[in-house]
Amino acid sequence: KVVAGPSLQGKYVGHTAGKVEGIFEEAWGGTLMLDEGSGIAKAGGTFKDEFVKTMLPILENNRGKFILLAADYAVGKKLFYQMDAGISRRFGMSVSLEALDANLAAEKIKEDLEKNKFRIGPEIDLEGMLAELASMPNYASGGDVRTLVGRIRQEHGSAFLQRRRGGEEGLDPFAVLPEAIQKAVDSLVAEKKAELPAEGDPKPVVDDH
């Protein structure tokens, strides 16, 4: 069973605990995957506290009944652990997968676009355009690549029409325009920056023992 972290947030105070108990009970004898548990951490306040106070005793008192997997990006993993020092102690193993660097991300974007006959010319420095995104702490690797492929196609359509309306002739509708790529990348980078904590925000201490 796969459950998204944000879906565990209840509609009102006291509702979250019941949802968490029900989902764990459904997992007895099987495997439960918590996808992006950081979503409940971002909910904050009472909802987060209810989740932690309900989940920790369940994990402690029902060892051997089921397998719990928690999947998240690096930043999300930290947020998940920071909810309570006891969370990291309940997970006996942690596996980290290497994110796509700017070069590999560029190759994947080109490959995915080519499946739909779109192509990025060698004169476009896609790797350079992706450098800032790939260095961000909340870079989502393959997830961001998929997002960019969709945005690039959308922005290319708008940029192509804008050039045509400006009187430019001989444009290849499948040759992706550089301004479309840059706009798609810039919009995603801006969203990523907005997700990061502001300077001066308190940083919780994580107990990794």
C-alpha atoms as a PDB file:
ATOM      1  CA  LYS A   1       0.000   0.000   0.000  1.00  0.00           C
ATOM      2  CA  VAL A   2       1.306   3.458  -0.910  1.00  0.00           C
ATOM      3  CA  VAL A   3       0.135   6.553   0.927  1.00  0.00           C
ATOM      4  CA  ALA A   4       1.206  10.150   0.324  1.00  0.00           C
ATOM      5  CA  GLY A   5       2.337  12.079   3.387  1.00  0.00           C
ATOM      6  CA  PRO A   6       0.097  15.105   2.766  1.00  0.00           C
ATOM      7  CA  SER A   7      -2.970  12.829   2.607  1.00  0.00           C
ATOM      8  CA  LEU A   8      -2.494  11.923   6.271  1.00  0.00           C
ATOM      9  CA  GLN A   9      -3.429  15.404   7.421  1.00  0.00           C
ATOM     10  CA  GLY A  10      -6.884  15.410   8.938  1.00  0.00           C
ATOM     11  CA  LYS A  11      -9.620  17.921   8.257  1.00  0.00           C
ATOM     12  CA  TYR A  12      -9.789  19.032  11.871  1.00  0.00           C
ATOM     13  CA  VAL A  13      -7.998  18.597  15.204  1.00  0.00           C
ATOM     14  CA  GLY A  14      -8.171  14.950  16.261  1.00  0.00           C
ATOM     15  CA  HIS A  15      -8.878  13.642  12.766  1.00  0.00           C
ATOM     16  CA  THR A  16      -5.224  12.993  11.834  1.00  0.00           C
ATOM     17  CA  ALA A  17      -4.687  10.384  14.564  1.00  0.00           C
ATOM     18  CA  GLY A  18      -7.614   8.287  13.351  1.00  0.00           C
ATOM     19  CA  LYS A  19      -6.445   8.412   9.742  1.00  0.00           C
ATOM     20  CA  VAL A  20      -2.937   7.302  10.699  1.00  0.00           C
ATOM     21  CA  GLU A  21      -4.196   4.424  12.851  1.00  0.00           C
ATOM     22  CA  GLY A  22      -6.493   3.211  10.075  1.00  0.00           C
ATOM     23  CA  ILE A  23      -3.788   3.261   7.404  1.00  0.00           C
ATOM     24  CA  PHE A  24      -1.309   1.358   9.562  1.00  0.00           C
ATOM     25  CA  GLU A  25      -3.907  -1.251  10.493  1.00  0.00           C
ATOM     26  CA  GLU A  26      -4.561  -1.853   6.788  1.00  0.00           C
ATOM     27  CA  ALA A  27      -0.845  -2.594   6.353  1.00  0.00           C
ATOM     28  CA  TRP A  28      -0.643  -5.441   8.902  1.00  0.00           C
ATOM     29  CA  GLY A  29       1.020  -8.424   7.259  1.00  0.00           C
ATOM     30  CA  GLY A  30       2.243  -6.394   4.300  1.00  0.00           C
ATOM     31  CA  THR A  31       4.253  -3.354   3.283  1.00  0.00           C
ATOM     32  CA  LEU A  32       3.325   0.297   3.681  1.00  0.00           C
ATOM     33  CA  MET A  33       5.166   2.944   1.688  1.00  0.00           C
ATOM     34  CA  LEU A  34       4.962   6.494   2.992  1.00  0.00           C
ATOM     35  CA  ASP A  35       5.663   8.706  -0.010  1.00  0.00           C
ATOM     36  CA  GLU A  36       6.973  12.178   0.844  1.00  0.00           C
ATOM     37  CA  GLY A  37       6.281  12.041   4.553  1.00  0.00           C
ATOM     38  CA  SER A  38       7.659  15.562   4.680  1.00  0.00           C
ATOM     39  CA  GLY A  39       4.229  16.651   3.477  1.00  0.00           C
ATOM     40  CA  ILE A  40       2.825  16.125   6.972  1.00  0.00           C
ATOM     41  CA  ALA A  41       5.860  17.894   8.441  1.00  0.00           C
ATOM     42  CA  LYS A  42       5.074  20.949   6.336  1.00  0.00           C
ATOM     43  CA  ALA A  43       1.522  20.940   7.683  1.00  0.00           C
ATOM     44  CA  GLY A  44       2.992  21.957  11.031  1.00  0.00           C
ATOM     45  CA  GLY A  45       1.254  22.594  14.324  1.00  0.00           C
ATOM     46  CA  THR A  46      -1.350  20.236  15.705  1.00  0.00           C
ATOM     47  CA  PHE A  47      -1.555  18.048  12.589  1.00  0.00           C
ATOM     48  CA  LYS A  48       2.172  17.263  12.702  1.00  0.00           C
ATOM     49  CA  ASP A  49       2.085  16.585  16.448  1.00  0.00           C
ATOM     50  CA  GLU A  50      -0.884  14.233  16.095  1.00  0.00           C
ATOM     51  CA  PHE A  51       0.881  12.304  13.351  1.00  0.00           C
ATOM     52  CA  VAL A  52       4.069  11.837  15.374  1.00  0.00           C
ATOM     53  CA  LYS A  53       2.327  10.947  18.638  1.00  0.00           C
ATOM     54  CA  THR A  54       0.222   8.357  16.818  1.00  0.00           C
ATOM     55  CA  MET A  55       2.871   6.853  14.542  1.00  0.00           C
ATOM     56  CA  LEU A  56       5.725   6.356  17.014  1.00  0.00           C
ATOM     57  CA  PRO A  57       3.812   4.084  19.448  1.00  0.00           C
ATOM     58  CA  ILE A  58       2.444   2.083  16.513  1.00  0.00           C
ATOM     59  CA  LEU A  59       5.970   1.462  15.204  1.00  0.00           C
ATOM     60  CA  GLU A  60       7.267   0.601  18.658  1.00  0.00           C
ATOM     61  CA  ASN A  61       4.449  -1.752  19.655  1.00  0.00           C
ATOM     62  CA  ASN A  62       3.904  -3.581  16.368  1.00  0.00           C
ATOM     63  CA  ARG A  63       7.378  -4.699  15.346  1.00  0.00           C
ATOM     64  CA  GLY A  64       7.283  -7.637  12.959  1.00  0.00           C
ATOM     65  CA  LYS A  65       3.700  -7.028  11.863  1.00  0.00           C
ATOM     66  CA  PHE A  66       4.549  -5.116   8.703  1.00  0.00           C
ATOM     67  CA  ILE A  67       7.301  -3.328   6.737  1.00  0.00           C
ATOM     68  CA  LEU A  68       7.333   0.457   6.586  1.00  0.00           C
ATOM     69  CA  LEU A  69       9.194   2.248   3.804  1.00  0.00           C
ATOM     70  CA  ALA A  70       9.536   6.030   3.716  1.00  0.00           C
ATOM     71  CA  ALA A  71      10.545   7.604   0.400  1.00  0.00           C
ATOM     72  CA  ASP A  72      11.459  11.259  -0.009  1.00  0.00           C
ATOM     73  CA  TYR A  73      14.026  13.635  -1.456  1.00  0.00           C
ATOM     74  CA  ALA A  74      17.013  14.669   0.683  1.00  0.00           C
ATOM     75  CA  VAL A  75      15.443  17.881   1.969  1.00  0.00           C
ATOM     76  CA  GLY A  76      12.153  16.110   2.646  1.00  0.00           C
ATOM     77  CA  LYS A  77      13.935  13.352   4.541  1.00  0.00           C
ATOM     78  CA  LYS A  78      15.470  15.930   6.878  1.00  0.00           C
ATOM     79  CA  LEU A  79      12.087  17.557   7.471  1.00  0.00           C
ATOM     80  CA  PHE A  80      10.566  14.155   8.207  1.00  0.00           C
ATOM     81  CA  TYR A  81      13.266  13.273  10.751  1.00  0.00           C
ATOM     82  CA  GLN A  82      13.152  16.720  12.335  1.00  0.00           C
ATOM     83  CA  MET A  83       9.564  16.218  13.458  1.00  0.00           C
ATOM     84  CA  ASP A  84      10.814  14.074  16.350  1.00  0.00           C
ATOM     85  CA  ALA A  85      14.180  12.581  17.339  1.00  0.00           C
ATOM     86  CA  GLY A  86      12.510   9.187  17.754  1.00  0.00           C
ATOM     87  CA  ILE A  87      11.602   8.876  14.063  1.00  0.00           C
ATOM     88  CA  SER A  88      15.136   8.235  12.808  1.00  0.00           C
ATOM     89  CA  ARG A  89      15.563   5.491  15.446  1.00  0.00           C
ATOM     90  CA  ARG A  90      12.548   3.591  14.098  1.00  0.00           C
ATOM     91  CA  PHE A  91      14.146   3.133  10.670  1.00  0.00           C
ATOM     92  CA  GLY A  92      16.914   0.538  10.693  1.00  0.00           C
ATOM     93  CA  MET A  93      18.182   1.231   7.199  1.00  0.00           C
ATOM     94  CA  SER A  94      18.532   4.284   4.976  1.00  0.00           C
ATOM     95  CA  VAL A  95      19.318   4.171   1.249  1.00  0.00           C
ATOM     96  CA  SER A  96      20.243   7.280  -0.735  1.00  0.00           C
ATOM     97  CA  LEU A  97      20.187   7.396  -4.526  1.00  0.00           C
ATOM     98  CA  GLU A  98      22.475   9.747  -6.421  1.00  0.00           C
ATOM     99  CA  ALA A  99      20.632  12.598  -8.124  1.00  0.00           C
ATOM    100  CA  LEU A 100      21.096  13.284 -11.822  1.00  0.00           C
ATOM    101  CA  ASP A 101      23.765  15.940 -12.292  1.00  0.00           C
ATOM    102  CA  ALA A 102      23.263  18.765 -14.795  1.00  0.00           C
ATOM    103  CA  ASN A 103      24.873  16.761 -17.600  1.00  0.00           C
ATOM    104  CA  LEU A 104      22.785  13.628 -17.086  1.00  0.00           C
ATOM    105  CA  ALA A 105      19.635  15.702 -16.562  1.00  0.00           C
ATOM    106  CA  ALA A 106      20.287  17.477 -19.880  1.00  0.00           C
ATOM    107  CA  GLU A 107      20.713  14.150 -21.670  1.00  0.00           C
ATOM    108  CA  LYS A 108      17.484  12.809 -20.156  1.00  0.00           C
ATOM    109  CA  ILE A 109      15.530  15.920 -21.141  1.00  0.00           C
ATOM    110  CA  LYS A 110      16.792  15.678 -24.730  1.00  0.00           C
ATOM    111  CA  GLU A 111      15.957  11.982 -24.837  1.00  0.00           C
ATOM    112  CA  ASP A 112      12.416  12.502 -23.549  1.00  0.00           C
ATOM    113  CA  LEU A 113      11.768  15.398 -25.932  1.00  0.00           C
ATOM    114  CA  GLU A 114      13.029  13.386 -28.888  1.00  0.00           C
ATOM    115  CA  LYS A 115      10.387  10.745 -28.192  1.00  0.00           C
ATOM    116  CA  ASN A 116       7.901  13.377 -29.355  1.00  0.00           C
ATOM    117  CA  LYS A 117      10.104  14.550 -32.277  1.00  0.00           C
ATOM    118  CA  PHE A 118      11.317  17.683 -30.457  1.00  0.00           C
ATOM    119  CA  ARG A 119      15.040  18.356 -30.440  1.00  0.00           C
ATOM    120  CA  ILE A 120      17.464  20.702 -28.759  1.00  0.00           C
ATOM    121  CA  GLY A 121      20.263  21.921 -31.017  1.00  0.00           C
ATOM    122  CA  PRO A 122      23.967  21.607 -30.084  1.00  0.00           C
ATOM    123  CA  GLU A 123      24.243  25.409 -29.957  1.00  0.00           C
ATOM    124  CA  ILE A 124      22.056  25.463 -26.832  1.00  0.00           C
ATOM    125  CA  ASP A 125      23.946  24.987 -23.543  1.00  0.00           C
ATOM    126  CA  LEU A 126      21.258  23.000 -21.763  1.00  0.00           C
ATOM    127  CA  GLU A 127      23.691  21.695 -19.157  1.00  0.00           C
ATOM    128  CA  GLY A 128      24.668  25.254 -18.254  1.00  0.00           C
ATOM    129  CA  MET A 129      21.033  26.277 -17.966  1.00  0.00           C
ATOM    130  CA  LEU A 130      20.447  23.416 -15.520  1.00  0.00           C
ATOM    131  CA  ALA A 131      23.498  24.071 -13.332  1.00  0.00           C
ATOM    132  CA  GLU A 132      21.730  26.200 -10.719  1.00  0.00           C
ATOM    133  CA  LEU A 133      18.739  23.874 -10.480  1.00  0.00           C
ATOM    134  CA  ALA A 134      20.920  20.762 -10.086  1.00  0.00           C
ATOM    135  CA  SER A 135      22.875  22.403  -7.236  1.00  0.00           C
ATOM    136  CA  MET A 136      19.820  23.311  -5.164  1.00  0.00           C
ATOM    137  CA  PRO A 137      19.268  21.377  -1.902  1.00  0.00           C
ATOM    138  CA  ASN A 138      15.675  20.574  -2.866  1.00  0.00           C
ATOM    139  CA  TYR A 139      16.489  19.498  -6.424  1.00  0.00           C
ATOM    140  CA  ALA A 140      14.190  16.575  -7.199  1.00  0.00           C
ATOM    141  CA  SER A 141      16.357  14.959  -9.888  1.00  0.00           C
ATOM    142  CA  GLY A 142      14.157  12.779 -12.133  1.00  0.00           C
ATOM    143  CA  GLY A 143      11.001  14.455 -10.845  1.00  0.00           C
ATOM    144  CA  ASP A 144      12.257  17.871 -11.891  1.00  0.00           C
ATOM    145  CA  VAL A 145      13.382  16.497 -15.250  1.00  0.00           C
ATOM    146  CA  ARG A 146       9.851  15.265 -15.948  1.00  0.00           C
ATOM    147  CA  THR A 147       8.442  18.619 -14.893  1.00  0.00           C
ATOM    148  CA  LEU A 148      10.851  20.468 -17.176  1.00  0.00           C
ATOM    149  CA  VAL A 149      10.059  18.313 -20.204  1.00  0.00           C
ATOM    150  CA  GLY A 150       6.408  19.276 -19.935  1.00  0.00           C
ATOM    151  CA  ARG A 151       7.142  22.943 -19.323  1.00  0.00           C
ATOM    152  CA  ILE A 152       9.659  23.169 -22.150  1.00  0.00           C
ATOM    153  CA  ARG A 153       7.100  21.834 -24.615  1.00  0.00           C
ATOM    154  CA  GLN A 154       4.506  24.276 -23.338  1.00  0.00           C
ATOM    155  CA  GLU A 155       6.869  27.259 -23.400  1.00  0.00           C
ATOM    156  CA  HIS A 156       8.163  26.266 -26.837  1.00  0.00           C
ATOM    157  CA  GLY A 157       4.664  26.429 -28.261  1.00  0.00           C
ATOM    158  CA  SER A 158       4.190  29.945 -26.892  1.00  0.00           C
ATOM    159  CA  ALA A 159       7.646  31.105 -28.008  1.00  0.00           C
ATOM    160  CA  PHE A 160       7.165  29.650 -31.489  1.00  0.00           C
ATOM    161  CA  LEU A 161       3.845  31.456 -31.968  1.00  0.00           C
ATOM    162  CA  GLN A 162       5.325  34.691 -30.660  1.00  0.00           C
ATOM    163  CA  ARG A 163       8.154  34.536 -33.183  1.00  0.00           C
ATOM    164  CA  ARG A 164       5.776  33.731 -36.013  1.00  0.00           C
ATOM    165  CA  ARG A 165       3.578  36.674 -35.097  1.00  0.00           C
ATOM    166  CA  GLY A 166       6.703  38.819 -35.130  1.00  0.00           C
ATOM    167  CA  GLY A 167       7.214  37.932 -38.758  1.00  0.00           C
ATOM    168  CA  GLU A 168      10.016  35.375 -38.427  1.00  0.00           C
ATOM    169  CA  GLU A 169       9.946  32.834 -41.251  1.00  0.00           C
ATOM    170  CA  GLY A 170      11.411  29.382 -41.740  1.00  0.00           C
ATOM    171  CA  LEU A 171      11.084  28.241 -38.151  1.00  0.00           C
ATOM    172  CA  ASP A 172      11.192  24.518 -37.477  1.00  0.00           C
ATOM    173  CA  PRO A 173       8.292  23.749 -35.119  1.00  0.00           C
ATOM    174  CA  PHE A 174      10.233  20.844 -33.587  1.00  0.00           C
ATOM    175  CA  ALA A 175      13.493  22.718 -32.941  1.00  0.00           C
ATOM    176  CA  VAL A 176      13.102  23.839 -29.320  1.00  0.00           C
ATOM    177  CA  LEU A 177      13.746  27.548 -28.892  1.00  0.00           C
ATOM    178  CA  PRO A 178      16.324  28.617 -26.274  1.00  0.00           C
ATOM    179  CA  GLU A 179      14.029  31.194 -24.674  1.00  0.00           C
ATOM    180  CA  ALA A 180      11.454  28.442 -24.077  1.00  0.00           C
ATOM    181  CA  ILE A 181      14.000  26.323 -22.225  1.00  0.00           C
ATOM    182  CA  GLN A 182      15.261  29.250 -20.183  1.00  0.00           C
ATOM    183  CA  LYS A 183      11.750  30.297 -19.170  1.00  0.00           C
ATOM    184  CA  ALA A 184      10.873  26.741 -18.128  1.00  0.00           C
ATOM    185  CA  VAL A 185      14.050  26.379 -16.075  1.00  0.00           C
ATOM    186  CA  ASP A 186      13.726  29.831 -14.491  1.00  0.00           C
ATOM    187  CA  SER A 187      10.157  29.157 -13.390  1.00  0.00           C
ATOM    188  CA  LEU A 188      11.122  25.871 -11.714  1.00  0.00           C
ATOM    189  CA  VAL A 189      14.162  27.419 -10.010  1.00  0.00           C
ATOM    190  CA  ALA A 190      11.944  30.211  -8.667  1.00  0.00           C
ATOM    191  CA  GLU A 191       9.518  27.647  -7.221  1.00  0.00           C
ATOM    192  CA  LYS A 192      12.378  25.722  -5.630  1.00  0.00           C
ATOM    193  CA  LYS A 193      13.764  28.872  -4.018  1.00  0.00           C
ATOM    194  CA  ALA A 194      10.336  29.684  -2.601  1.00  0.00           C
ATOM    195  CA  GLU A 195      10.250  26.257  -0.926  1.00  0.00           C
ATOM    196  CA  LEU A 196      13.525  26.815   0.933  1.00  0.00           C
ATOM    197  CA  PRO A 197      13.461  28.235   4.466  1.00  0.00           C
ATOM    198  CA  ALA A 198      14.237  31.939   4.641  1.00  0.00           C
ATOM    199  CA  GLU A 199      17.557  33.032   6.066  1.00  0.00           C
ATOM    200  CA  GLY A 200      17.347  33.368   9.806  1.00  0.00           C
ATOM    201  CA  ASP A 201      14.649  30.712  10.191  1.00  0.00           C
ATOM    202  CA  PRO A 202      15.417  28.392  13.107  1.00  0.00           C
ATOM    203  CA  LYS A 203      16.943  25.087  12.051  1.00  0.00           C
ATOM    204  CA  PRO A 204      15.840  22.185  14.256  1.00  0.00           C
ATOM    205  CA  VAL A 205      18.548  19.894  15.536  1.00  0.00           C
ATOM    206  CA  VAL A 206      18.218  16.305  14.331  1.00  0.00           C
ATOM    207  CA  ASP A 207      19.088  13.493  16.724  1.00  0.00           C
ATOM    208  CA  ASP A 208      20.547  10.793  14.463  1.00  0.00           C
ATOM    209  CA  HIS A 209      21.454   8.363  17.236  1.00  0.00           C
END
